[in-house]
């Protein structure tokens, strides 16, 4: 994914190499040789066939099905990012320049994927002037959303279903009223329709028509009117906004994961737009935190691993805490979702925006400040937690909704920021042993829930990850170590 080392490229099959401009020219020429609707339908067929799976065996079997031949090497050609970028090329050109071919030559589609793999690699920001964890984190964050698989999708479906159950419990009719006004159905009817996204019901598509669909005749005009701060291959926001294309009476899915993500995140956007002043904080405190804390308890707590109290008279040492033997894990839960247009513009804007939001303002600095208070009032902390007064090891965990922190080097970069704060403020933790801080995502927590490992083992997995200071995201680290 990062640098496309594992994807077969056009340049792998020719002797004299290629260039970004040459790839772009060849891609456009193949695309416009077909009719506008034909090439859209062909790419949508690939997207539907590949689906949300990232399993190598699934993708290789899909390629054999699509292209009708076997590979000398087990190399991935088709993948979600490539399809996404090819759609961007299609949408960026006027329909009037397209050809009249309506019968798809799948050899052409195969060549398109080889070319776009090279094109993406040329666009990859190798950033020779700078190196280190931040640059690797920045580069990998561009593609992390394409690492989602079926488990991630089930995790999001589970989490959002639980969130909306909590919203229902708030007993505020405004939320149901907003759904009725905008979708023409009740809150419960909407979730009933989403219960099985594969049902292809007319009712479900009638809902999607209101927020997820663009008619094929409107694509180029809408594409041209948008504020394209990101160039191809990073102009993906349009596809996230419109994961379904309507051609006459057919609905074509451009990306299954985008469709499912939008299906569940749409209501949050609707509620936030109506209640900008208070919904974000209400959603974080009254909805997300209770759901995630319950999930933490279900993943870890048993007769040996104890949930500890972390709140005293309205002050929280953490959002959640657990204790096993002499190790305390303190969780800080963040429902923050970073703006994609700022994240992917360039390294400088990425660094500034990420650090302003999740290092200086909240996240790292917030957790660091609470740990200083624990150090200063350690006896009080142990009394509040109802644990014996002795020297514990404390593992700080930042737990995020945003998949950006599931990127390569994210945990190591943020741990470095944490250590830099300790040095800058000359902080001295003597009452407890500070372990390397780590970050993880809600979906990684869900994966632990679904793992058949013992709860004690799951606890120790996090401590192993902390000790490793691995460049891998937690889920990949656990899989590589065969912990999951």
Protein backbone atom coordinates (compact mmCIF):
# COMPACT_ATOMS: atom_id res chain seq x y z
CA UNK A 1 0.00 0.00 0.00
CA UNK A 2 2.73 2.43 0.91
CA UNK A 3 4.80 3.00 -2.21
CA UNK A 4 2.86 0.23 -3.95
CA UNK A 5 5.67 -2.29 -3.60
CA UNK A 6 3.19 -5.16 -3.58
CA UNK A 7 1.13 -4.02 -6.59
CA UNK A 8 2.01 -5.03 -10.12
CA UNK A 9 2.71 -1.94 -12.25
CA UNK A 10 2.96 -1.18 -15.95
CA UNK A 11 6.67 -0.43 -15.56
CA UNK A 12 7.23 -3.98 -14.27
CA UNK A 13 6.26 -5.35 -17.68
CA UNK A 14 8.22 -3.08 -20.01
CA UNK A 15 11.96 -2.59 -20.50
CA UNK A 16 12.33 1.17 -20.92
CA UNK A 17 10.32 2.45 -17.96
CA UNK A 18 7.64 5.11 -17.93
CA UNK A 19 6.83 8.53 -16.48
CA UNK A 20 3.94 10.12 -14.62
CA UNK A 21 2.93 12.13 -17.70
CA UNK A 22 3.09 9.06 -19.92
CA UNK A 23 0.92 7.06 -17.50
CA UNK A 24 -1.62 9.86 -17.27
CA UNK A 25 -1.78 10.20 -21.05
CA UNK A 26 -2.26 6.46 -21.59
CA UNK A 27 -4.92 6.28 -18.86
CA UNK A 28 -6.93 9.12 -20.38
CA UNK A 29 -6.64 7.72 -23.91
CA UNK A 30 -7.96 4.30 -22.91
CA UNK A 31 -10.79 5.80 -20.85
CA UNK A 32 -12.09 8.15 -23.55
CA UNK A 33 -11.98 5.42 -26.19
CA UNK A 34 -15.17 4.11 -24.52
CA UNK A 35 -18.55 5.74 -24.10
CA UNK A 36 -18.94 7.64 -20.83
CA UNK A 37 -21.48 5.26 -19.33
CA UNK A 38 -19.64 2.15 -20.51
CA UNK A 39 -16.38 2.95 -18.71
CA UNK A 40 -18.28 3.97 -15.56
CA UNK A 41 -20.19 0.68 -15.60
CA UNK A 42 -16.98 -1.30 -16.15
CA UNK A 43 -15.21 0.29 -13.19
CA UNK A 44 -18.32 -0.07 -11.03
CA UNK A 45 -18.41 -3.76 -11.92
CA UNK A 46 -14.80 -4.10 -10.74
CA UNK A 47 -15.61 -2.20 -7.53
CA UNK A 48 -18.61 -4.44 -6.85
CA UNK A 49 -16.66 -7.62 -7.63
CA UNK A 50 -13.71 -6.69 -5.42
CA UNK A 51 -16.00 -5.42 -2.66
CA UNK A 52 -14.60 -4.38 0.73
CA UNK A 53 -12.18 -7.29 1.14
CA UNK A 54 -8.44 -6.73 1.41
CA UNK A 55 -7.63 -10.42 1.72
CA UNK A 56 -4.92 -11.34 -0.79
CA UNK A 57 -6.61 -14.61 -1.77
CA UNK A 58 -9.93 -12.82 -2.42
CA UNK A 59 -8.28 -10.19 -4.63
CA UNK A 60 -6.25 -12.72 -6.63
CA UNK A 61 -9.35 -14.84 -7.22
CA UNK A 62 -11.24 -11.72 -8.30
CA UNK A 63 -8.49 -10.82 -10.77
CA UNK A 64 -8.62 -14.28 -12.32
CA UNK A 65 -12.37 -13.93 -12.64
CA UNK A 66 -12.15 -10.46 -14.21
CA UNK A 67 -9.23 -11.00 -16.56
CA UNK A 68 -9.57 -14.71 -17.30
CA UNK A 69 -5.93 -15.64 -16.89
CA UNK A 70 -3.52 -16.76 -14.20
CA UNK A 71 -0.48 -14.84 -13.06
CA UNK A 72 3.10 -16.00 -13.19
CA UNK A 73 3.52 -14.04 -9.96
CA UNK A 74 0.98 -13.67 -7.18
CA UNK A 75 0.86 -9.89 -7.51
CA UNK A 76 -2.09 -7.62 -6.80
CA UNK A 77 -3.25 -5.48 -9.71
CA UNK A 78 -6.79 -4.50 -8.76
CA UNK A 79 -7.42 -2.71 -5.48
CA UNK A 80 -9.75 -0.08 -4.05
CA UNK A 81 -7.37 2.86 -4.29
CA UNK A 82 -6.69 2.19 -7.98
CA UNK A 83 -10.42 2.01 -8.73
CA UNK A 84 -10.98 5.23 -6.80
CA UNK A 85 -8.28 7.03 -8.79
CA UNK A 86 -9.59 5.73 -12.13
CA UNK A 87 -13.03 7.11 -11.26
CA UNK A 88 -11.39 10.46 -10.57
CA UNK A 89 -9.91 10.44 -14.08
CA UNK A 90 -13.31 9.59 -15.57
CA UNK A 91 -15.14 12.33 -13.64
CA UNK A 92 -12.55 14.98 -14.48
CA UNK A 93 -13.12 14.83 -18.27
CA UNK A 94 -16.06 16.25 -20.22
CA UNK A 95 -18.50 13.51 -21.33
CA UNK A 96 -18.54 15.08 -24.81
CA UNK A 97 -14.96 13.92 -25.53
CA UNK A 98 -15.71 10.24 -24.89
CA UNK A 99 -15.87 7.66 -27.68
CA UNK A 100 -18.59 5.30 -28.83
CA UNK A 101 -17.20 1.90 -27.80
CA UNK A 102 -19.75 0.02 -25.69
CA UNK A 103 -18.18 -3.45 -25.54
CA UNK A 104 -15.52 -3.67 -22.84
CA UNK A 105 -12.17 -5.24 -23.66
CA UNK A 106 -11.00 -6.46 -20.26
CA UNK A 107 -7.40 -6.36 -21.43
CA UNK A 108 -7.86 -2.55 -21.54
CA UNK A 109 -9.14 -2.53 -17.97
CA UNK A 110 -6.16 -4.64 -16.89
CA UNK A 111 -3.76 -2.17 -18.54
CA UNK A 112 -5.61 0.73 -16.85
CA UNK A 113 -4.94 -0.78 -13.43
CA UNK A 114 -1.27 -1.41 -14.23
CA UNK A 115 -0.90 2.21 -15.38
CA UNK A 116 -2.74 3.71 -12.43
CA UNK A 117 -0.54 1.72 -10.00
CA UNK A 118 2.47 3.42 -11.59
CA UNK A 119 0.70 6.79 -11.56
CA UNK A 120 -0.10 6.56 -7.84
CA UNK A 121 3.49 5.58 -7.14
CA UNK A 122 4.75 8.67 -8.99
CA UNK A 123 2.37 10.80 -6.92
CA UNK A 124 3.53 9.19 -3.68
CA UNK A 125 5.28 11.85 -1.59
CA UNK A 126 8.68 10.33 -0.94
CA UNK A 127 9.75 13.68 0.55
CA UNK A 128 13.47 13.30 0.13
CA UNK A 129 14.15 16.53 2.06
CA UNK A 130 12.80 15.14 5.30
CA UNK A 131 12.75 11.74 6.93
CA UNK A 132 11.58 10.15 10.14
CA UNK A 133 8.38 8.97 11.78
CA UNK A 134 6.33 12.04 10.81
CA UNK A 135 7.04 11.68 7.07
CA UNK A 136 6.27 7.97 7.12
CA UNK A 137 3.08 8.64 9.08
CA UNK A 138 2.07 11.36 6.59
CA UNK A 139 2.66 9.14 3.57
CA UNK A 140 0.85 6.14 4.99
CA UNK A 141 -2.12 8.24 6.16
CA UNK A 142 -2.99 8.92 2.51
CA UNK A 143 -3.87 5.29 1.91
CA UNK A 144 -4.97 3.97 5.29
CA UNK A 145 -8.66 4.28 4.41
CA UNK A 146 -8.08 1.67 1.69
CA UNK A 147 -6.93 -0.87 4.26
CA UNK A 148 -10.48 -1.29 5.58
CA UNK A 149 -11.85 -4.79 5.33
CA UNK A 150 -15.07 -6.55 6.24
CA UNK A 151 -14.19 -6.63 9.94
CA UNK A 152 -13.71 -2.84 9.96
CA UNK A 153 -17.07 -2.40 8.27
CA UNK A 154 -18.77 -4.67 10.81
CA UNK A 155 -17.04 -2.70 13.55
CA UNK A 156 -18.37 0.61 12.26
CA UNK A 157 -21.85 -0.84 11.80
CA UNK A 158 -21.73 -2.11 15.38
CA UNK A 159 -20.40 1.15 16.82
CA UNK A 160 -22.81 3.43 15.00
CA UNK A 161 -25.76 1.18 15.86
CA UNK A 162 -24.75 1.44 19.52
CA UNK A 163 -24.28 5.22 19.21
CA UNK A 164 -27.77 5.70 17.86
CA UNK A 165 -29.26 3.52 20.59
CA UNK A 166 -27.72 5.97 23.05
CA UNK A 167 -29.12 8.93 21.11
CA UNK A 168 -32.57 7.36 21.31
CA UNK A 169 -32.15 7.09 25.06
CA UNK A 170 -31.62 10.86 25.26
CA UNK A 171 -35.41 11.13 24.80
CA UNK A 172 -35.10 14.19 22.58
CA UNK A 173 -37.64 14.06 19.76
CA UNK A 174 -35.62 16.51 17.64
CA UNK A 175 -33.43 13.66 16.36
CA UNK A 176 -36.31 11.57 15.04
CA UNK A 177 -37.94 14.74 13.66
CA UNK A 178 -34.77 15.56 11.71
CA UNK A 179 -34.68 12.08 10.18
CA UNK A 180 -38.34 12.34 9.19
CA UNK A 181 -37.86 15.82 7.66
CA UNK A 182 -34.80 14.85 5.64
CA UNK A 183 -35.44 11.20 4.74
CA UNK A 184 -39.19 10.77 5.04
CA UNK A 185 -38.91 7.90 7.50
CA UNK A 186 -38.46 7.43 11.23
CA UNK A 187 -35.21 6.82 13.07
CA UNK A 188 -36.10 3.14 13.57
CA UNK A 189 -37.18 2.68 9.93
CA UNK A 190 -33.84 4.06 8.74
CA UNK A 191 -31.89 1.58 10.85
CA UNK A 192 -34.20 -1.20 9.84
CA UNK A 193 -33.30 -0.48 6.21
CA UNK A 194 -29.59 -0.52 7.04
CA UNK A 195 -29.83 -3.80 8.92
CA UNK A 196 -28.98 -5.66 5.74
CA UNK A 197 -27.28 -3.44 3.17
CA UNK A 198 -27.30 -6.29 0.65
CA UNK A 199 -31.07 -6.42 0.39
CA UNK A 200 -31.16 -3.92 -2.54
CA UNK A 201 -34.66 -2.88 -1.57
CA UNK A 202 -36.45 -0.04 -3.35
CA UNK A 203 -37.00 1.58 0.04
CA UNK A 204 -33.27 1.62 0.79
CA UNK A 205 -32.44 3.17 -2.58
CA UNK A 206 -35.18 5.75 -2.06
CA UNK A 207 -33.30 6.77 1.08
CA UNK A 208 -29.93 6.79 -0.68
CA UNK A 209 -31.40 9.04 -3.37
CA UNK A 210 -31.60 11.78 -0.75
CA UNK A 211 -27.94 11.81 0.31
CA UNK A 212 -25.66 9.29 -1.45
CA UNK A 213 -26.56 9.26 -5.15
CA UNK A 214 -25.52 11.35 -8.14
CA UNK A 215 -27.09 10.95 -11.57
CA UNK A 216 -24.60 10.20 -14.31
CA UNK A 217 -25.69 13.35 -16.19
CA UNK A 218 -24.76 15.54 -13.20
CA UNK A 219 -21.29 14.16 -12.51
CA UNK A 220 -19.08 16.45 -14.60
CA UNK A 221 -20.98 19.60 -13.61
CA UNK A 222 -20.77 18.75 -9.90
CA UNK A 223 -17.12 17.76 -10.23
CA UNK A 224 -16.29 21.06 -11.94
CA UNK A 225 -18.14 23.15 -9.33
CA UNK A 226 -16.48 21.59 -6.31
CA UNK A 227 -13.53 23.24 -4.65
CA UNK A 228 -10.83 20.84 -5.82
CA UNK A 229 -8.11 21.62 -3.30
CA UNK A 230 -6.79 18.10 -3.83
CA UNK A 231 -5.59 16.88 -7.21
CA UNK A 232 -5.85 13.36 -8.60
CA UNK A 233 -5.08 10.86 -7.00
CA UNK A 234 -6.21 12.53 -3.75
CA UNK A 235 -9.48 14.10 -4.96
CA UNK A 236 -11.40 11.34 -3.21
CA UNK A 237 -13.89 13.50 -1.30
CA UNK A 238 -16.27 13.53 -4.27
CA UNK A 239 -16.44 9.72 -4.19
CA UNK A 240 -17.02 9.73 -0.45
CA UNK A 241 -19.91 12.16 -0.96
CA UNK A 242 -21.46 10.20 -3.85
CA UNK A 243 -20.70 6.47 -3.49
CA UNK A 244 -23.63 5.62 -5.79
CA UNK A 245 -24.07 6.59 -9.46
CA UNK A 246 -27.50 6.37 -11.04
CA UNK A 247 -27.74 5.45 -14.72
CA UNK A 248 -31.41 5.31 -15.71
CA UNK A 249 -32.85 2.80 -13.24
CA UNK A 250 -29.51 1.27 -12.22
CA UNK A 251 -27.51 2.15 -9.09
CA UNK A 252 -23.77 1.56 -9.43
CA UNK A 253 -21.56 1.36 -6.35
CA UNK A 254 -18.20 3.09 -6.83
CA UNK A 255 -16.83 1.90 -3.47
CA UNK A 256 -18.61 -0.42 -1.06
CA UNK A 257 -16.75 0.90 1.99
CA UNK A 258 -17.60 4.52 1.13
CA UNK A 259 -21.27 3.59 0.81
CA UNK A 260 -21.37 1.79 4.15
CA UNK A 261 -19.41 4.53 5.93
CA UNK A 262 -21.76 7.21 4.58
CA UNK A 263 -24.79 5.12 5.47
CA UNK A 264 -23.84 5.30 9.13
CA UNK A 265 -22.15 8.71 9.32
CA UNK A 266 -24.91 10.62 7.48
CA UNK A 267 -27.09 10.98 10.56
CA UNK A 268 -24.19 12.37 12.58
CA UNK A 269 -23.66 15.03 9.90
CA UNK A 270 -27.38 15.78 9.90
CA UNK A 271 -27.57 16.19 13.67
CA UNK A 272 -24.34 18.20 13.82
CA UNK A 273 -25.53 20.68 11.17
CA UNK A 274 -28.70 21.29 13.16
CA UNK A 275 -27.02 21.56 16.57
CA UNK A 276 -23.52 22.85 15.90
CA UNK A 277 -23.25 24.54 19.28
CA UNK A 278 -23.63 21.45 21.42
CA UNK A 279 -23.97 18.22 19.43
CA UNK A 280 -20.27 17.48 19.02
CA UNK A 281 -19.56 17.63 22.77
CA UNK A 282 -22.84 15.86 23.57
CA UNK A 283 -22.06 13.11 21.05
CA UNK A 284 -18.58 12.60 22.48
CA UNK A 285 -19.52 12.62 26.17
CA UNK A 286 -23.03 11.17 26.23
CA UNK A 287 -22.85 8.78 23.28
CA UNK A 288 -19.35 7.73 22.18
CA UNK A 289 -17.65 7.47 25.57
CA UNK A 290 -20.30 5.22 27.18
CA UNK A 291 -20.31 2.92 24.15
CA UNK A 292 -16.51 2.65 23.98
CA UNK A 293 -16.14 2.22 27.74
CA UNK A 294 -18.61 -0.67 27.61
CA UNK A 295 -16.56 -2.12 24.76
CA UNK A 296 -13.34 -1.79 26.78
CA UNK A 297 -14.96 -3.65 29.67
CA UNK A 298 -16.22 -6.41 27.36
CA UNK A 299 -12.76 -6.82 25.80
CA UNK A 300 -10.66 -6.85 28.97
CA UNK A 301 -12.43 -7.04 32.33
CA UNK A 302 -12.66 -10.41 34.09
CA UNK A 303 -12.06 -11.77 37.59
CA UNK A 304 -8.33 -10.88 37.30
CA UNK A 305 -8.45 -7.67 35.26
CA UNK A 306 -10.18 -4.99 37.28
CA UNK A 307 -11.97 -1.88 36.11
CA UNK A 308 -10.78 1.02 38.26
CA UNK A 309 -12.55 4.26 39.12
CA UNK A 310 -10.93 7.25 37.42
CA UNK A 311 -13.28 10.08 38.41
CA UNK A 312 -13.33 12.29 41.48
CA UNK A 313 -15.90 15.05 41.93
CA UNK A 314 -16.22 15.75 38.22
CA UNK A 315 -12.47 15.48 37.45
CA UNK A 316 -11.36 12.52 35.35
CA UNK A 317 -7.86 11.06 35.51
CA UNK A 318 -8.80 9.27 32.28
CA UNK A 319 -11.94 8.21 30.44
CA UNK A 320 -11.44 4.59 31.51
CA UNK A 321 -8.91 2.55 33.44
CA UNK A 322 -8.14 -1.13 33.99
CA UNK A 323 -5.62 -2.93 36.23
CA UNK A 324 -3.91 -6.30 35.81
CA UNK A 325 -1.13 -7.35 38.20
CA UNK A 326 1.05 -4.23 38.49
CA UNK A 327 0.04 -2.56 35.20
CA UNK A 328 -2.63 0.12 34.84
CA UNK A 329 -3.91 1.01 31.38
CA UNK A 330 -5.51 4.46 31.16
CA UNK A 331 -7.64 5.21 28.10
CA UNK A 332 -8.35 8.63 26.66
CA UNK A 333 -11.23 8.40 24.15
CA UNK A 334 -11.28 10.81 21.20
CA UNK A 335 -14.13 10.98 18.69
CA UNK A 336 -12.28 13.68 16.70
CA UNK A 337 -12.38 13.32 12.92
CA UNK A 338 -9.72 15.34 11.13
CA UNK A 339 -10.39 17.37 7.99
CA UNK A 340 -9.19 15.40 4.98
CA UNK A 341 -8.52 18.39 2.72
CA UNK A 342 -5.95 19.72 5.20
CA UNK A 343 -4.43 16.35 5.94
CA UNK A 344 -3.55 15.50 2.36
CA UNK A 345 -2.50 18.86 0.94
CA UNK A 346 1.19 18.72 1.95
CA UNK A 347 3.42 17.62 4.78
CA UNK A 348 3.52 21.06 6.41
CA UNK A 349 -0.26 21.46 6.61
CA UNK A 350 -0.59 17.86 7.80
CA UNK A 351 1.93 18.44 10.58
CA UNK A 352 0.38 21.72 11.70
CA UNK A 353 -3.23 20.56 11.62
CA UNK A 354 -2.53 17.19 13.24
CA UNK A 355 -0.32 18.66 15.96
CA UNK A 356 -2.70 21.55 16.66
CA UNK A 357 -5.65 19.21 17.09
CA UNK A 358 -4.27 15.98 18.55
CA UNK A 359 -0.93 16.89 20.11
CA UNK A 360 -1.18 20.43 21.50
CA UNK A 361 -4.92 21.03 21.98
CA UNK A 362 -6.16 17.61 23.02
CA UNK A 363 -5.03 14.02 22.77
CA UNK A 364 -1.34 13.89 23.70
CA UNK A 365 -1.18 17.11 25.75
CA UNK A 366 -4.50 16.32 27.45
CA UNK A 367 -3.34 12.88 28.52
CA UNK A 368 0.09 14.19 29.52
CA UNK A 369 -1.55 16.82 31.74
CA UNK A 370 -3.66 14.21 33.51
CA UNK A 371 -0.62 12.01 34.14
CA UNK A 372 1.17 14.97 35.74
CA UNK A 373 -1.79 15.38 38.07
CA UNK A 374 -1.62 11.66 38.92
CA UNK A 375 2.08 12.08 39.76
CA UNK A 376 1.39 15.12 41.94
CA UNK A 377 -1.49 13.49 43.85
CA UNK A 378 -0.61 9.83 43.57
CA UNK A 379 -2.02 8.81 46.93
CA UNK A 380 -5.34 10.43 46.05
CA UNK A 381 -5.34 8.69 42.66
CA UNK A 382 -4.82 5.27 44.25
CA UNK A 383 -7.53 5.98 46.82
CA UNK A 384 -9.99 7.09 44.11
CA UNK A 385 -9.10 4.01 42.01
CA UNK A 386 -9.59 1.83 45.11
CA UNK A 387 -6.21 0.13 44.66
CA UNK A 388 -3.35 -0.43 47.12
CA UNK A 389 -0.84 2.40 47.35
CA UNK A 390 2.29 1.12 45.60
CA UNK A 391 4.33 1.76 42.49
CA UNK A 392 2.49 0.69 39.33
CA UNK A 393 3.37 0.76 35.68
CA UNK A 394 1.02 3.03 33.74
CA UNK A 395 0.35 2.52 30.03
CA UNK A 396 -1.38 5.57 28.45
CA UNK A 397 -3.62 4.67 25.48
CA UNK A 398 -5.13 7.23 23.13
CA UNK A 399 -8.21 5.59 21.61
CA UNK A 400 -9.46 7.23 18.39
CA UNK A 401 -12.44 6.95 16.07
CA UNK A 402 -10.40 8.34 13.16
CA UNK A 403 -8.68 5.62 11.11
CA UNK A 404 -5.81 8.06 10.39
CA UNK A 405 -4.17 6.92 13.63
CA UNK A 406 -4.30 3.37 12.29
CA UNK A 407 -1.55 4.37 9.85
CA UNK A 408 2.03 3.18 9.86
CA UNK A 409 4.20 5.09 12.36
CA UNK A 410 1.19 6.88 13.93
CA UNK A 411 1.61 5.32 17.37
CA UNK A 412 5.39 5.80 17.31
CA UNK A 413 5.10 9.43 16.18
CA UNK A 414 2.57 10.32 18.88
CA UNK A 415 4.61 8.46 21.50
CA UNK A 416 7.61 10.58 20.44
CA UNK A 417 5.49 13.72 20.87
CA UNK A 418 4.58 12.47 24.33
CA UNK A 419 8.24 11.92 25.22
CA UNK A 420 9.14 15.35 23.82
CA UNK A 421 6.62 16.93 26.21
CA UNK A 422 8.20 15.07 29.12
CA UNK A 423 11.64 16.45 28.16
CA UNK A 424 10.37 19.97 27.39
CA UNK A 425 8.61 20.31 30.72
CA UNK A 426 11.35 18.39 32.54
CA UNK A 427 8.63 16.17 33.99
CA UNK A 428 9.79 13.54 36.45
CA UNK A 429 7.47 10.61 37.07
CA UNK A 430 8.72 8.91 40.23
CA UNK A 431 5.57 7.55 41.84
CA UNK A 432 4.83 5.24 38.91
CA UNK A 433 6.69 3.77 35.93
CA UNK A 434 5.66 5.41 32.66
CA UNK A 435 5.34 2.97 29.78
CA UNK A 436 5.51 4.04 26.13
CA UNK A 437 2.17 5.53 25.16
CA UNK A 438 0.29 3.93 22.26
CA UNK A 439 -2.63 4.81 20.02
CA UNK A 440 -5.35 2.54 18.71
CA UNK A 441 -8.64 2.90 16.87
CA UNK A 442 -12.16 1.93 17.86
CA UNK A 443 -12.15 -0.68 15.11
CA UNK A 444 -8.94 -2.23 16.48
CA UNK A 445 -10.67 -2.45 19.87
CA UNK A 446 -13.58 -4.20 18.14
CA UNK A 447 -11.13 -6.68 16.55
CA UNK A 448 -9.88 -7.53 20.03
CA UNK A 449 -13.48 -8.08 21.10
CA UNK A 450 -13.97 -10.59 18.29
CA UNK A 451 -10.65 -12.34 18.93
CA UNK A 452 -10.89 -15.75 20.60
CA UNK A 453 -7.84 -14.99 22.76
CA UNK A 454 -8.22 -14.87 26.54
CA UNK A 455 -8.80 -11.45 28.08
CA UNK A 456 -5.51 -11.62 29.98
CA UNK A 457 -3.71 -12.23 26.67
CA UNK A 458 -5.47 -9.26 25.08
CA UNK A 459 -4.30 -7.05 27.94
CA UNK A 460 -0.72 -8.23 27.53
CA UNK A 461 -0.91 -7.66 23.75
CA UNK A 462 -1.19 -3.92 24.43
CA UNK A 463 1.82 -3.98 26.74
CA UNK A 464 3.83 -5.86 24.09
CA UNK A 465 2.90 -3.24 21.53
CA UNK A 466 3.99 -0.48 23.92
CA UNK A 467 7.37 -2.12 24.50
CA UNK A 468 7.98 -2.70 20.79
CA UNK A 469 7.56 0.94 19.66
CA UNK A 470 6.60 -0.68 16.37
CA UNK A 471 6.06 1.30 13.17
CA UNK A 472 3.07 -0.95 12.41
CA UNK A 473 -0.49 -0.06 13.40
CA UNK A 474 -1.74 -2.16 16.30
CA UNK A 475 -3.87 -4.51 14.22
CA UNK A 476 -1.01 -5.29 11.82
CA UNK A 477 1.45 -5.68 14.70
CA UNK A 478 -0.83 -8.21 16.39
CA UNK A 479 -1.34 -10.14 13.15
CA UNK A 480 2.38 -10.21 12.36
CA UNK A 481 3.07 -11.54 15.85
CA UNK A 482 0.24 -14.05 15.33
CA UNK A 483 -1.50 -12.69 18.43
CA UNK A 484 -4.83 -12.58 16.60
